[in-house]
């Protein structure tokens, strides 16, 4: 089998193949950190979705609907990472390294590392999208954050209206009142 002759290649000269190795440990760390940041972003978006749904739209809490929202957020985050990997790939094609300039070779090495990292993170987020335990945990976490935010907002509003320092009994009964407050059906109250 004859080797392909490259246009512009001088006879007898071998074409140098460029190889840009990546650091698997660095990619693994970056993917772990990216997955953690993505989880936080998805949890915050879901928390806001729950709060807005309850207060503005009067929607009752539905764990299945919230799970669909979490999956949607993960899909968007995964697509964002895949788009970044494609962007880096286009940059690499548009600006190939010049072998005589070590700085462009180093830049190309960095771009390769980033492209692989973005791609690996997109794959991890796509995997988490189908992980039922991960989704259930994210839903539970989002619900807890939403209720915590709501209770804090109500507490601030009550503090503006009532000065709790006036009553000695207030502090002793506070924990019980906060527990009762968490059990209030806020969407039902909003409808009345």
Protein backbone atom coordinates (compact mmCIF):
# COMPACT_ATOMS: atom_id res chain seq x y z
CA UNK A 1 0.00 0.00 0.00
CA UNK A 2 1.54 3.29 -1.08
CA UNK A 3 1.64 6.27 1.26
CA UNK A 4 -0.43 9.27 0.28
CA UNK A 5 1.59 12.07 -1.17
CA UNK A 6 0.78 15.41 0.37
CA UNK A 7 0.48 18.48 -1.80
CA UNK A 8 3.53 20.65 -1.42
CA UNK A 9 5.50 17.94 0.37
CA UNK A 10 9.05 17.51 -0.77
CA UNK A 11 9.98 14.04 -1.99
CA UNK A 12 11.78 11.98 0.59
CA UNK A 13 10.62 14.07 3.57
CA UNK A 14 8.26 12.62 6.11
CA UNK A 15 5.36 14.70 7.35
CA UNK A 16 5.56 15.36 11.05
CA UNK A 17 2.44 14.27 12.94
CA UNK A 18 1.53 16.56 15.78
CA UNK A 19 0.47 14.94 19.00
CA UNK A 20 -0.82 16.93 21.94
CA UNK A 21 -1.17 14.73 25.01
CA UNK A 22 -3.61 15.72 27.73
CA UNK A 23 -3.29 15.37 31.48
CA UNK A 24 -6.01 12.88 32.53
CA UNK A 25 -5.72 13.82 36.21
CA UNK A 26 -6.24 17.51 35.45
CA UNK A 27 -9.19 16.67 33.23
CA UNK A 28 -10.68 14.44 35.93
CA UNK A 29 -10.36 17.21 38.53
CA UNK A 30 -11.83 19.78 36.14
CA UNK A 31 -14.77 17.50 35.31
CA UNK A 32 -15.44 16.83 39.01
CA UNK A 33 -15.33 20.56 39.78
CA UNK A 34 -17.44 21.37 36.72
CA UNK A 35 -20.04 18.77 37.70
CA UNK A 36 -20.17 20.25 41.21
CA UNK A 37 -20.59 23.79 39.86
CA UNK A 38 -23.23 22.55 37.42
CA UNK A 39 -25.09 20.86 40.24
CA UNK A 40 -25.08 24.10 42.21
CA UNK A 41 -26.29 26.05 39.17
CA UNK A 42 -29.06 23.51 38.50
CA UNK A 43 -30.08 23.49 42.18
CA UNK A 44 -30.27 27.30 42.31
CA UNK A 45 -32.28 27.46 39.06
CA UNK A 46 -34.62 24.76 40.36
CA UNK A 47 -34.99 26.51 43.71
CA UNK A 48 -35.99 29.70 41.91
CA UNK A 49 -38.37 27.70 39.71
CA UNK A 50 -40.09 26.29 42.81
CA UNK A 51 -40.35 29.67 44.54
CA UNK A 52 -41.62 31.53 41.47
CA UNK A 53 -44.06 28.73 40.72
CA UNK A 54 -45.46 28.81 44.24
CA UNK A 55 -45.59 32.56 44.85
CA UNK A 56 -46.19 34.11 41.45
CA UNK A 57 -48.02 31.35 39.60
CA UNK A 58 -49.77 29.61 42.49
CA UNK A 59 -48.47 26.20 41.39
CA UNK A 60 -48.55 23.39 43.92
CA UNK A 61 -45.25 21.62 44.51
CA UNK A 62 -44.96 18.59 42.21
CA UNK A 63 -41.79 16.49 42.64
CA UNK A 64 -42.18 14.93 39.17
CA UNK A 65 -42.44 18.33 37.50
CA UNK A 66 -39.41 19.56 39.45
CA UNK A 67 -37.47 16.43 38.39
CA UNK A 68 -38.27 17.24 34.74
CA UNK A 69 -37.02 20.78 35.34
CA UNK A 70 -33.75 19.48 36.85
CA UNK A 71 -33.26 17.17 33.86
CA UNK A 72 -33.93 20.08 31.50
CA UNK A 73 -31.33 22.21 33.31
CA UNK A 74 -28.76 19.40 33.13
CA UNK A 75 -29.43 19.00 29.41
CA UNK A 76 -28.89 22.73 28.87
CA UNK A 77 -25.66 22.66 30.89
CA UNK A 78 -24.45 19.61 28.95
CA UNK A 79 -25.22 21.28 25.61
CA UNK A 80 -23.41 24.42 26.75
CA UNK A 81 -20.25 22.39 27.48
CA UNK A 82 -20.53 20.53 24.15
CA UNK A 83 -20.85 23.88 22.34
CA UNK A 84 -17.71 25.13 24.11
CA UNK A 85 -15.82 22.01 23.00
CA UNK A 86 -16.95 22.62 19.40
CA UNK A 87 -15.91 26.27 19.64
CA UNK A 88 -12.43 25.29 20.79
CA UNK A 89 -12.25 22.72 17.99
CA UNK A 90 -13.09 25.43 15.42
CA UNK A 91 -10.41 27.68 16.92
CA UNK A 92 -7.89 24.87 16.61
CA UNK A 93 -8.72 24.43 12.92
CA UNK A 94 -8.62 28.16 12.21
CA UNK A 95 -5.35 28.77 14.00
CA UNK A 96 -3.11 25.70 13.70
CA UNK A 97 0.20 25.75 15.55
CA UNK A 98 3.33 26.97 13.80
CA UNK A 99 6.10 24.55 14.59
CA UNK A 100 8.73 27.25 14.56
CA UNK A 101 6.99 29.21 17.31
CA UNK A 102 6.89 27.40 20.62
CA UNK A 103 4.26 29.79 21.96
CA UNK A 104 1.67 28.68 19.39
CA UNK A 105 2.43 25.04 20.13
CA UNK A 106 1.92 25.69 23.85
CA UNK A 107 -1.34 27.53 23.09
CA UNK A 108 -2.47 24.61 20.97
CA UNK A 109 -1.66 22.22 23.82
CA UNK A 110 -3.78 24.34 26.16
CA UNK A 111 -6.65 24.43 23.65
CA UNK A 112 -6.49 20.65 23.30
CA UNK A 113 -6.69 20.24 27.08
CA UNK A 114 -9.67 22.60 27.26
CA UNK A 115 -11.50 20.93 24.36
CA UNK A 116 -11.14 17.51 25.96
CA UNK A 117 -12.24 18.91 29.35
CA UNK A 118 -15.36 20.56 27.92
CA UNK A 119 -16.22 17.41 26.03
CA UNK A 120 -15.70 15.18 29.09
CA UNK A 121 -17.84 17.49 31.24
CA UNK A 122 -20.61 17.46 28.63
CA UNK A 123 -20.53 13.65 28.71
CA UNK A 124 -20.62 13.58 32.51
CA UNK A 125 -23.60 15.94 32.64
CA UNK A 126 -25.40 13.85 30.02
CA UNK A 127 -24.74 10.77 32.18
CA UNK A 128 -26.09 12.54 35.28
CA UNK A 129 -29.20 13.52 33.29
CA UNK A 130 -30.10 9.81 33.23
CA UNK A 131 -29.07 9.05 36.83
CA UNK A 132 -32.35 8.71 38.80
CA UNK A 133 -30.60 8.91 42.20
CA UNK A 134 -28.77 12.10 41.21
CA UNK A 135 -32.02 13.68 39.96
CA UNK A 136 -33.90 12.70 43.14
CA UNK A 137 -31.12 14.14 45.30
CA UNK A 138 -31.12 17.39 43.29
CA UNK A 139 -34.92 17.67 43.61
CA UNK A 140 -34.74 17.14 47.38
CA UNK A 141 -31.91 19.64 47.76
CA UNK A 142 -33.75 22.24 45.65
CA UNK A 143 -36.91 21.82 47.71
CA UNK A 144 -35.01 22.30 50.98
CA UNK A 145 -33.26 25.42 49.63
CA UNK A 146 -36.58 26.83 48.39
CA UNK A 147 -38.30 26.32 51.73
CA UNK A 148 -35.31 27.78 53.54
CA UNK A 149 -35.37 30.89 51.32
CA UNK A 150 -39.11 31.29 51.78
CA UNK A 151 -38.89 30.96 55.56
CA UNK A 152 -36.04 33.48 55.67
CA UNK A 153 -38.04 35.96 53.56
CA UNK A 154 -41.08 35.55 55.79
CA UNK A 155 -38.92 35.95 58.88
CA UNK A 156 -37.47 39.22 57.55
CA UNK A 157 -40.97 40.52 56.77
CA UNK A 158 -42.20 39.59 60.24
CA UNK A 159 -39.19 41.26 61.85
CA UNK A 160 -40.09 44.46 60.01
CA UNK A 161 -43.65 44.34 61.39
CA UNK A 162 -43.05 42.97 64.90
CA UNK A 163 -40.23 43.70 67.31
CA UNK A 164 -39.62 40.27 68.89
CA UNK A 165 -37.48 41.73 71.65
CA UNK A 166 -40.63 43.06 73.31
CA UNK A 167 -41.77 39.58 74.35
CA UNK A 168 -39.79 37.22 76.59
CA UNK A 169 -42.02 34.35 75.47
CA UNK A 170 -41.13 34.94 71.81
CA UNK A 171 -37.64 33.38 72.00
CA UNK A 172 -38.82 30.30 73.89
CA UNK A 173 -41.56 29.53 71.33
CA UNK A 174 -39.59 30.56 68.21
CA UNK A 175 -38.45 27.08 67.12
CA UNK A 176 -41.99 25.69 67.37
CA UNK A 177 -43.37 28.60 65.34
CA UNK A 178 -40.71 28.14 62.65
CA UNK A 179 -41.57 24.44 62.39
CA UNK A 180 -45.27 25.31 62.03
CA UNK A 181 -44.43 27.93 59.43
CA UNK A 182 -42.61 25.37 57.26
CA UNK A 183 -45.77 23.25 57.21
CA UNK A 184 -47.99 26.04 55.83
CA UNK A 185 -49.27 25.44 52.29
CA UNK A 186 -48.08 28.74 50.78
CA UNK A 187 -49.63 28.24 47.31
CA UNK A 188 -53.02 27.64 48.97
CA UNK A 189 -52.62 30.78 51.07
CA UNK A 190 -51.75 32.79 47.96
CA UNK A 191 -54.99 31.66 46.28
CA UNK A 192 -57.12 32.79 49.26
